[in-house]
C-alpha cells in the first residue's frame, strides 16, 4: 500500500447537509410521491448538475420555465429558495476533518460539485471551509465530477500523487471515476464508518 499523504474531501453530503427536500416537502405538503415526480421529471438531478458545471442559474431557470410553464412557480423556488436547502454541517465529519488538518502528515483539500453562484453562501456560513489548503469548485472550473478533467485539475493544482491520496465522496459514481485515475476512494456513509475506513489506510482519528 502506498503511503497516504493527501486527503480530498467532497463537501455536500459529507461535510454539509444539502437537500432540496427541505423546501419541496413543504411545497408539496408532505406528499413524497408528487415531490419525487417533480425531481424525476422537471428539476432533475442532471439539470441541477449542469449548473454545478458553471451553467448560469437564471438561464437554467428560464429555460426550464419555458419547457414546463404550468410549473413556473415551483421551478423558480429551486434557486430562489436555495439557501433553505442548505442544512447544518455534519459535525462528526467536521471533527474528522479537524483532526486530519491538525496532523502535519497530511495535505487536506476539497473537491466539490457546486455552482459558483451559490458557493459563496456556504463559504460565509461554514468556517471549516476555510481550513482547507484549497477547494476545487466545479462551477468555477466549468466541469464537474465524475468527468476526468476535474480530478486532473485537483491533482495538478495541489501537486498530488494520485496513488498517495484518498478521495471521500458520498456518491459512488464519483469514487469510481477517481479510482480510474489511481486515486484511492472511500464511499462516505457516515462519520463512524469513515473513521473505520480511514483506519484501513493506517490513518487513525
C-alpha atoms as a PDB file:
ATOM      1  CA  UNK A   1       0.000   0.000   0.000  1.00  0.00           C
ATOM      2  CA  UNK A   2       1.292   3.457  -0.930  1.00  0.00           C
ATOM      3  CA  UNK A   3       1.843   5.955   1.864  1.00  0.00           C
ATOM      4  CA  UNK A   4      -1.120   8.343   2.013  1.00  0.00           C
ATOM      5  CA  UNK A   5      -0.177  12.000   2.235  1.00  0.00           C
ATOM      6  CA  UNK A   6      -3.303  13.749   0.883  1.00  0.00           C
ATOM      7  CA  UNK A   7      -6.984  13.604   1.772  1.00  0.00           C
ATOM      8  CA  UNK A   8      -9.544  15.010  -0.674  1.00  0.00           C
ATOM      9  CA  UNK A   9     -12.996  15.732   0.726  1.00  0.00           C
ATOM     10  CA  UNK A  10     -16.274  16.143  -1.105  1.00  0.00           C
ATOM     11  CA  UNK A  11     -18.466  18.721   0.659  1.00  0.00           C
ATOM     12  CA  UNK A  12     -22.207  18.215   0.094  1.00  0.00           C
ATOM     13  CA  UNK A  13     -23.388  15.036   1.798  1.00  0.00           C
ATOM     14  CA  UNK A  14     -20.025  14.563   3.533  1.00  0.00           C
ATOM     15  CA  UNK A  15     -19.398  17.760   5.496  1.00  0.00           C
ATOM     16  CA  UNK A  16     -22.526  19.751   4.652  1.00  0.00           C
ATOM     17  CA  UNK A  17     -26.129  18.607   4.674  1.00  0.00           C
ATOM     18  CA  UNK A  18     -27.754  19.896   1.481  1.00  0.00           C
ATOM     19  CA  UNK A  19     -31.145  18.622   0.401  1.00  0.00           C
ATOM     20  CA  UNK A  20     -33.849  20.184  -1.837  1.00  0.00           C
ATOM     21  CA  UNK A  21     -36.436  18.231   0.150  1.00  0.00           C
ATOM     22  CA  UNK A  22     -36.116  20.868   2.860  1.00  0.00           C
ATOM     23  CA  UNK A  23     -38.006  23.207   0.529  1.00  0.00           C
ATOM     24  CA  UNK A  24     -40.137  20.885  -1.548  1.00  0.00           C
ATOM     25  CA  UNK A  25     -41.598  18.732   1.212  1.00  0.00           C
ATOM     26  CA  UNK A  26     -43.288  21.930   2.349  1.00  0.00           C
ATOM     27  CA  UNK A  27     -44.226  22.908  -1.216  1.00  0.00           C
ATOM     28  CA  UNK A  28     -45.879  19.541  -1.823  1.00  0.00           C
ATOM     29  CA  UNK A  29     -47.394  19.444   1.676  1.00  0.00           C
ATOM     30  CA  UNK A  30     -45.518  16.293   2.611  1.00  0.00           C
ATOM     31  CA  UNK A  31     -46.591  14.347  -0.496  1.00  0.00           C
ATOM     32  CA  UNK A  32     -43.375  12.490  -1.332  1.00  0.00           C
ATOM     33  CA  UNK A  33     -44.841  10.905  -4.451  1.00  0.00           C
ATOM     34  CA  UNK A  34     -45.570  14.300  -6.026  1.00  0.00           C
ATOM     35  CA  UNK A  35     -42.199  15.603  -4.921  1.00  0.00           C
ATOM     36  CA  UNK A  36     -40.422  12.606  -6.470  1.00  0.00           C
ATOM     37  CA  UNK A  37     -42.278  13.137  -9.756  1.00  0.00           C
ATOM     38  CA  UNK A  38     -41.115  16.757  -9.770  1.00  0.00           C
ATOM     39  CA  UNK A  39     -37.475  15.777  -9.183  1.00  0.00           C
ATOM     40  CA  UNK A  40     -37.642  12.938 -11.713  1.00  0.00           C
ATOM     41  CA  UNK A  41     -39.243  14.990 -14.472  1.00  0.00           C
ATOM     42  CA  UNK A  42     -38.742  18.738 -14.032  1.00  0.00           C
ATOM     43  CA  UNK A  43     -35.978  19.934 -11.697  1.00  0.00           C
ATOM     44  CA  UNK A  44     -33.934  16.777 -12.117  1.00  0.00           C
ATOM     45  CA  UNK A  45     -30.567  15.916 -10.637  1.00  0.00           C
ATOM     46  CA  UNK A  46     -28.998  16.036 -14.121  1.00  0.00           C
ATOM     47  CA  UNK A  47     -30.415  19.525 -14.614  1.00  0.00           C
ATOM     48  CA  UNK A  48     -29.005  20.746 -11.301  1.00  0.00           C
ATOM     49  CA  UNK A  49     -25.617  19.170 -12.034  1.00  0.00           C
ATOM     50  CA  UNK A  50     -25.440  21.196 -15.236  1.00  0.00           C
ATOM     51  CA  UNK A  51     -25.403  24.330 -13.071  1.00  0.00           C
ATOM     52  CA  UNK A  52     -22.740  22.696 -10.903  1.00  0.00           C
ATOM     53  CA  UNK A  53     -20.609  22.739 -14.052  1.00  0.00           C
ATOM     54  CA  UNK A  54     -20.969  26.504 -14.396  1.00  0.00           C
ATOM     55  CA  UNK A  55     -24.224  26.990 -16.292  1.00  0.00           C
ATOM     56  CA  UNK A  56     -25.943  30.236 -15.149  1.00  0.00           C
ATOM     57  CA  UNK A  57     -28.739  29.695 -12.628  1.00  0.00           C
ATOM     58  CA  UNK A  58     -31.026  32.326 -14.114  1.00  0.00           C
ATOM     59  CA  UNK A  59     -30.672  30.982 -17.641  1.00  0.00           C
ATOM     60  CA  UNK A  60     -31.254  27.417 -16.465  1.00  0.00           C
ATOM     61  CA  UNK A  61     -34.377  28.524 -14.600  1.00  0.00           C
ATOM     62  CA  UNK A  62     -35.823  30.439 -17.553  1.00  0.00           C
ATOM     63  CA  UNK A  63     -35.235  27.510 -19.885  1.00  0.00           C
ATOM     64  CA  UNK A  64     -36.954  25.116 -17.500  1.00  0.00           C
ATOM     65  CA  UNK A  65     -39.912  27.503 -17.072  1.00  0.00           C
ATOM     66  CA  UNK A  66     -40.255  27.690 -20.858  1.00  0.00           C
ATOM     67  CA  UNK A  67     -40.363  23.888 -21.011  1.00  0.00           C
ATOM     68  CA  UNK A  68     -42.838  23.499 -18.136  1.00  0.00           C
ATOM     69  CA  UNK A  69     -44.781  26.790 -17.873  1.00  0.00           C
ATOM     70  CA  UNK A  70     -47.527  25.248 -15.710  1.00  0.00           C
ATOM     71  CA  UNK A  71     -44.923  24.636 -13.021  1.00  0.00           C
ATOM     72  CA  UNK A  72     -43.259  28.040 -13.183  1.00  0.00           C
ATOM     73  CA  UNK A  73     -43.785  28.988  -9.550  1.00  0.00           C
ATOM     74  CA  UNK A  74     -42.247  25.850  -8.091  1.00  0.00           C
ATOM     75  CA  UNK A  75     -39.426  25.776 -10.642  1.00  0.00           C
ATOM     76  CA  UNK A  76     -38.376  29.285  -9.596  1.00  0.00           C
ATOM     77  CA  UNK A  77     -38.273  28.129  -5.989  1.00  0.00           C
ATOM     78  CA  UNK A  78     -35.374  25.779  -6.738  1.00  0.00           C
ATOM     79  CA  UNK A  79     -32.771  28.517  -6.850  1.00  0.00           C
ATOM     80  CA  UNK A  80     -34.968  31.250  -5.416  1.00  0.00           C
ATOM     81  CA  UNK A  81     -35.132  29.356  -2.121  1.00  0.00           C
ATOM     82  CA  UNK A  82     -31.825  27.527  -2.492  1.00  0.00           C
ATOM     83  CA  UNK A  83     -30.475  28.847   0.790  1.00  0.00           C
ATOM     84  CA  UNK A  84     -33.264  26.956   2.596  1.00  0.00           C
ATOM     85  CA  UNK A  85     -31.932  23.702   1.115  1.00  0.00           C
ATOM     86  CA  UNK A  86     -28.631  24.252   2.889  1.00  0.00           C
ATOM     87  CA  UNK A  87     -28.747  22.379   6.165  1.00  0.00           C
ATOM     88  CA  UNK A  88     -26.251  22.166   9.005  1.00  0.00           C
ATOM     89  CA  UNK A  89     -22.719  20.862   8.992  1.00  0.00           C
ATOM     90  CA  UNK A  90     -22.237  17.127   9.544  1.00  0.00           C
ATOM     91  CA  UNK A  91     -20.433  17.563  12.832  1.00  0.00           C
ATOM     92  CA  UNK A  92     -18.925  14.079  13.057  1.00  0.00           C
ATOM     93  CA  UNK A  93     -17.152  14.617   9.741  1.00  0.00           C
ATOM     94  CA  UNK A  94     -16.071  18.134  10.705  1.00  0.00           C
ATOM     95  CA  UNK A  95     -14.286  16.636  13.736  1.00  0.00           C
ATOM     96  CA  UNK A  96     -12.515  14.153  11.452  1.00  0.00           C
ATOM     97  CA  UNK A  97     -11.539  16.996   9.139  1.00  0.00           C
ATOM     98  CA  UNK A  98     -10.101  18.978  12.059  1.00  0.00           C
ATOM     99  CA  UNK A  99      -8.043  16.001  13.208  1.00  0.00           C
ATOM    100  CA  UNK A 100      -6.608  15.470   9.724  1.00  0.00           C
ATOM    101  CA  UNK A 101      -5.791  19.135   9.231  1.00  0.00           C
ATOM    102  CA  UNK A 102      -4.060  19.240  12.610  1.00  0.00           C
ATOM    103  CA  UNK A 103      -1.891  16.278  11.549  1.00  0.00           C
ATOM    104  CA  UNK A 104       1.228  17.558   9.734  1.00  0.00           C
ATOM    105  CA  UNK A 105       1.477  14.312   7.768  1.00  0.00           C
ATOM    106  CA  UNK A 106      -1.484  15.170   5.541  1.00  0.00           C
ATOM    107  CA  UNK A 107      -2.415  17.731   2.953  1.00  0.00           C
ATOM    108  CA  UNK A 108      -6.193  18.250   3.060  1.00  0.00           C
ATOM    109  CA  UNK A 109      -8.141  19.738   0.136  1.00  0.00           C
ATOM    110  CA  UNK A 110     -11.706  19.644  -1.149  1.00  0.00           C
ATOM    111  CA  UNK A 111     -13.300  18.813  -4.493  1.00  0.00           C
ATOM    112  CA  UNK A 112     -16.965  19.712  -4.810  1.00  0.00           C
ATOM    113  CA  UNK A 113     -19.728  19.781  -7.393  1.00  0.00           C
ATOM    114  CA  UNK A 114     -21.202  23.190  -6.592  1.00  0.00           C
ATOM    115  CA  UNK A 115     -22.449  26.199  -8.519  1.00  0.00           C
ATOM    116  CA  UNK A 116     -20.006  29.082  -8.368  1.00  0.00           C
ATOM    117  CA  UNK A 117     -23.024  31.359  -7.798  1.00  0.00           C
ATOM    118  CA  UNK A 118     -24.160  29.679  -4.585  1.00  0.00           C
ATOM    119  CA  UNK A 119     -20.836  28.519  -3.165  1.00  0.00           C
ATOM    120  CA  UNK A 120     -20.068  31.927  -1.561  1.00  0.00           C
ATOM    121  CA  UNK A 121     -23.148  31.390   0.645  1.00  0.00           C
ATOM    122  CA  UNK A 122     -21.584  28.220   2.032  1.00  0.00           C
ATOM    123  CA  UNK A 123     -18.223  29.939   2.493  1.00  0.00           C
ATOM    124  CA  UNK A 124     -19.891  32.585   4.627  1.00  0.00           C
ATOM    125  CA  UNK A 125     -21.844  30.065   6.686  1.00  0.00           C
ATOM    126  CA  UNK A 126     -19.289  27.341   7.407  1.00  0.00           C
ATOM    127  CA  UNK A 127     -15.999  28.348   8.992  1.00  0.00           C
ATOM    128  CA  UNK A 128     -14.435  24.932   8.371  1.00  0.00           C
ATOM    129  CA  UNK A 129     -14.434  25.579   4.615  1.00  0.00           C
ATOM    130  CA  UNK A 130     -11.559  27.976   5.290  1.00  0.00           C
ATOM    131  CA  UNK A 131      -9.451  25.243   6.890  1.00  0.00           C
ATOM    132  CA  UNK A 132      -8.619  23.521   3.604  1.00  0.00           C
ATOM    133  CA  UNK A 133      -5.385  24.113   1.753  1.00  0.00           C
ATOM    134  CA  UNK A 134      -7.659  24.755  -1.203  1.00  0.00           C
ATOM    135  CA  UNK A 135     -11.035  23.894  -2.721  1.00  0.00           C
ATOM    136  CA  UNK A 136     -11.775  22.978  -6.329  1.00  0.00           C
ATOM    137  CA  UNK A 137     -15.331  24.158  -7.090  1.00  0.00           C
ATOM    138  CA  UNK A 138     -16.832  22.606 -10.211  1.00  0.00           C
ATOM    139  CA  UNK A 139     -18.781  25.717 -11.172  1.00  0.00           C
ATOM    140  CA  UNK A 140     -15.578  27.752 -11.256  1.00  0.00           C
ATOM    141  CA  UNK A 141     -13.834  25.146 -13.408  1.00  0.00           C
ATOM    142  CA  UNK A 142     -16.761  24.714 -15.848  1.00  0.00           C
ATOM    143  CA  UNK A 143     -16.701  20.952 -15.392  1.00  0.00           C
ATOM    144  CA  UNK A 144     -17.732  18.528 -12.666  1.00  0.00           C
ATOM    145  CA  UNK A 145     -17.393  15.075 -11.188  1.00  0.00           C
ATOM    146  CA  UNK A 146     -17.337  12.400 -12.499  1.00  0.00           C
ATOM    147  CA  UNK A 147     -15.536  13.838 -15.548  1.00  0.00           C
ATOM    148  CA  UNK A 148     -11.834  13.055 -15.667  1.00  0.00           C
ATOM    149  CA  UNK A 149     -10.655  16.631 -16.112  1.00  0.00           C
ATOM    150  CA  UNK A 150     -11.824  17.883 -12.709  1.00  0.00           C
ATOM    151  CA  UNK A 151      -9.820  15.192 -10.923  1.00  0.00           C
ATOM    152  CA  UNK A 152      -6.780  16.073 -13.011  1.00  0.00           C
ATOM    153  CA  UNK A 153      -7.247  19.759 -12.151  1.00  0.00           C
ATOM    154  CA  UNK A 154      -7.245  18.827  -8.454  1.00  0.00           C
ATOM    155  CA  UNK A 155      -4.164  16.624  -8.700  1.00  0.00           C
ATOM    156  CA  UNK A 156      -2.200  19.209 -10.675  1.00  0.00           C
ATOM    157  CA  UNK A 157      -3.245  22.274  -8.699  1.00  0.00           C
ATOM    158  CA  UNK A 158      -2.177  20.850  -5.357  1.00  0.00           C
ATOM    159  CA  UNK A 159       0.729  18.721  -6.601  1.00  0.00           C
ATOM    160  CA  UNK A 160      -0.957  15.482  -5.532  1.00  0.00           C
ATOM    161  CA  UNK A 161       0.232  11.996  -6.485  1.00  0.00           C
ATOM    162  CA  UNK A 162      -2.946  10.046  -7.176  1.00  0.00           C
ATOM    163  CA  UNK A 163      -1.772   6.811  -5.568  1.00  0.00           C
ATOM    164  CA  UNK A 164      -0.852   8.676  -2.379  1.00  0.00           C
ATOM    165  CA  UNK A 165      -4.264  10.287  -1.975  1.00  0.00           C
ATOM    166  CA  UNK A 166      -7.733   9.325  -0.735  1.00  0.00           C
ATOM    167  CA  UNK A 167     -10.927  10.846  -2.078  1.00  0.00           C
ATOM    168  CA  UNK A 168     -14.007  10.821   0.190  1.00  0.00           C
ATOM    169  CA  UNK A 169     -17.398  11.257  -1.518  1.00  0.00           C
ATOM    170  CA  UNK A 170     -20.970  10.183  -0.812  1.00  0.00           C
ATOM    171  CA  UNK A 171     -21.581   9.400  -4.499  1.00  0.00           C
ATOM    172  CA  UNK A 172     -20.155   6.035  -5.561  1.00  0.00           C
ATOM    173  CA  UNK A 173     -20.112   7.195  -9.195  1.00  0.00           C
ATOM    174  CA  UNK A 174     -17.603   9.882  -8.282  1.00  0.00           C
ATOM    175  CA  UNK A 175     -15.469   7.448  -6.289  1.00  0.00           C
ATOM    176  CA  UNK A 176     -15.289   5.026  -9.196  1.00  0.00           C
ATOM    177  CA  UNK A 177     -14.215   7.817 -11.550  1.00  0.00           C
ATOM    178  CA  UNK A 178     -11.439   8.840  -9.165  1.00  0.00           C
ATOM    179  CA  UNK A 179     -10.217   5.251  -8.915  1.00  0.00           C
ATOM    180  CA  UNK A 180      -9.777   5.160 -12.684  1.00  0.00           C
ATOM    181  CA  UNK A 181      -7.056   7.772 -12.226  1.00  0.00           C
ATOM    182  CA  UNK A 182      -5.389   5.805  -9.440  1.00  0.00           C
ATOM    183  CA  UNK A 183      -6.881   7.825  -6.574  1.00  0.00           C
ATOM    184  CA  UNK A 184      -7.909   5.733  -3.575  1.00  0.00           C
ATOM    185  CA  UNK A 185     -11.588   6.137  -2.704  1.00  0.00           C
ATOM    186  CA  UNK A 186     -13.836   5.944   0.333  1.00  0.00           C
ATOM    187  CA  UNK A 187     -17.581   5.914  -0.242  1.00  0.00           C
ATOM    188  CA  UNK A 188     -18.911   8.063   2.604  1.00  0.00           C
ATOM    189  CA  UNK A 189     -21.888   6.729   4.554  1.00  0.00           C
ATOM    190  CA  UNK A 190     -21.494   8.284   7.999  1.00  0.00           C
ATOM    191  CA  UNK A 191     -18.687   9.644  10.207  1.00  0.00           C
ATOM    192  CA  UNK A 192     -18.295   6.449  12.241  1.00  0.00           C
ATOM    193  CA  UNK A 193     -17.874   4.346   9.113  1.00  0.00           C
ATOM    194  CA  UNK A 194     -15.418   6.910   7.719  1.00  0.00           C
ATOM    195  CA  UNK A 195     -13.176   6.564  10.762  1.00  0.00           C
ATOM    196  CA  UNK A 196     -13.111   2.790  10.220  1.00  0.00           C
ATOM    197  CA  UNK A 197     -12.359   3.163   6.508  1.00  0.00           C
ATOM    198  CA  UNK A 198      -9.517   5.587   7.208  1.00  0.00           C
ATOM    199  CA  UNK A 199      -8.012   3.137   9.675  1.00  0.00           C
ATOM    200  CA  UNK A 200      -7.656   0.659   6.798  1.00  0.00           C
ATOM    201  CA  UNK A 201      -5.068   3.104   5.423  1.00  0.00           C
ATOM    202  CA  UNK A 202      -3.416   3.315   8.875  1.00  0.00           C
ATOM    203  CA  UNK A 203      -4.947   6.741   9.415  1.00  0.00           C
ATOM    204  CA  UNK A 204      -6.183   6.833  12.976  1.00  0.00           C
ATOM    205  CA  UNK A 205      -8.562   9.561  14.140  1.00  0.00           C
END
